[in-house]
Protein backbone atom coordinates (compact mmCIF):
# COMPACT_ATOMS: atom_id res chain seq x y z
CA MET A 1 0.00 0.00 0.00
CA ALA A 2 2.87 2.39 0.68
CA SER A 3 4.10 4.10 -2.40
CA ASN A 4 7.65 5.16 -3.11
CA LEU A 5 6.29 8.65 -3.74
CA MET A 6 5.01 8.89 -0.17
CA LYS A 7 8.28 7.63 1.28
CA GLU A 8 10.19 10.19 -0.78
CA HIS A 9 7.78 12.94 0.31
CA LEU A 10 8.09 12.03 3.98
CA ASN A 11 11.87 11.70 3.82
CA SER A 12 12.31 15.03 2.04
CA ARG A 13 9.98 16.77 4.51
CA GLU A 14 11.93 15.31 7.43
CA ARG A 15 15.18 16.61 5.99
CA LEU A 16 13.69 20.07 5.47
CA ASP A 17 11.51 20.50 8.53
CA GLY A 18 13.03 18.17 11.10
CA PRO A 19 11.50 15.43 13.22
CA ASN A 20 9.10 17.76 15.10
CA ASP A 21 7.01 18.06 11.97
CA ASP A 22 5.45 14.68 12.85
CA LEU A 23 2.68 16.55 14.65
CA GLU A 24 1.56 18.33 11.48
CA VAL A 25 -2.11 17.57 10.84
CA ILE A 26 -3.13 16.68 7.31
CA TRP A 27 -6.73 17.66 6.60
CA GLY A 28 -9.09 16.13 4.06
CA ALA A 29 -9.10 12.95 1.99
CA GLN A 30 -7.62 14.79 -0.98
CA ARG A 31 -4.49 15.94 0.87
CA ILE A 32 -4.16 12.60 2.66
CA GLY A 33 -4.31 10.94 -0.73
CA MET A 34 -1.68 13.29 -2.12
CA VAL A 35 0.71 12.35 0.68
CA LEU A 36 -0.03 8.64 0.22
CA GLY A 37 0.36 8.88 -3.54
CA VAL A 38 -3.21 7.72 -4.23
CA THR A 39 -6.34 9.42 -5.54
CA SER A 40 -8.68 11.21 -3.15
CA ARG A 41 -11.25 8.49 -3.88
CA GLN A 42 -8.80 5.77 -2.83
CA ALA A 43 -7.88 7.72 0.31
CA PHE A 44 -11.57 8.20 1.14
CA TYR A 45 -12.09 4.43 0.75
CA LEU A 46 -9.26 3.73 3.22
CA LEU A 47 -10.54 6.34 5.66
CA GLU A 48 -14.19 5.27 5.59
CA ARG A 49 -13.21 1.66 6.27
CA ASN A 50 -10.94 2.65 9.18
CA MET A 51 -7.91 1.24 7.39
CA LEU A 52 -5.69 4.19 8.40
CA LYS A 53 -5.02 3.99 12.14
CA GLY A 54 -4.96 7.37 13.82
CA ALA A 55 -7.30 9.05 11.34
CA ALA A 56 -10.30 10.88 12.74
CA LYS A 57 -13.37 12.42 11.22
CA LEU A 58 -14.14 15.84 12.67
CA GLY A 59 -17.50 16.98 11.42
CA CYS A 60 -17.43 15.87 7.81
CA ARG A 61 -13.68 16.23 7.30
CA TRP A 62 -10.96 13.63 7.81
CA CYS A 63 -7.64 14.40 9.48
CA ILE A 64 -4.50 12.52 10.52
CA THR A 65 -1.09 13.53 11.82
CA LEU A 66 1.93 12.96 9.66
CA LYS A 67 3.33 10.68 12.38
CA ALA A 68 0.20 8.49 12.35
CA LEU A 69 0.15 8.39 8.57
CA ARG A 70 3.80 7.39 8.56
CA ALA A 71 3.06 4.59 11.07
CA ASN A 72 0.46 3.15 8.67
CA VAL A 73 2.87 2.71 5.80
CA GLU A 74 6.29 2.10 7.32
CA PRO A 75 7.28 -1.28 8.72
CA PRO A 76 7.72 -1.39 12.51
CA HIS A 77 11.29 -0.98 13.73
């Protein structure tokens, strides 16, 4: 499920912004999909089926921290 694009995005952001950026909140299925390297429809599918741990729906909008998103796609250490 993890795409190379997402890994590259996360690695480049870590180099630029540092490790404290893990608390950044990503809002909306479209942006979550962009980070994952999937369409907004695919991201919405994952979110609606609770397949992304740490994601929450506030009102009618999905959100997840970068750290939680990273935990969903990276193998455990």
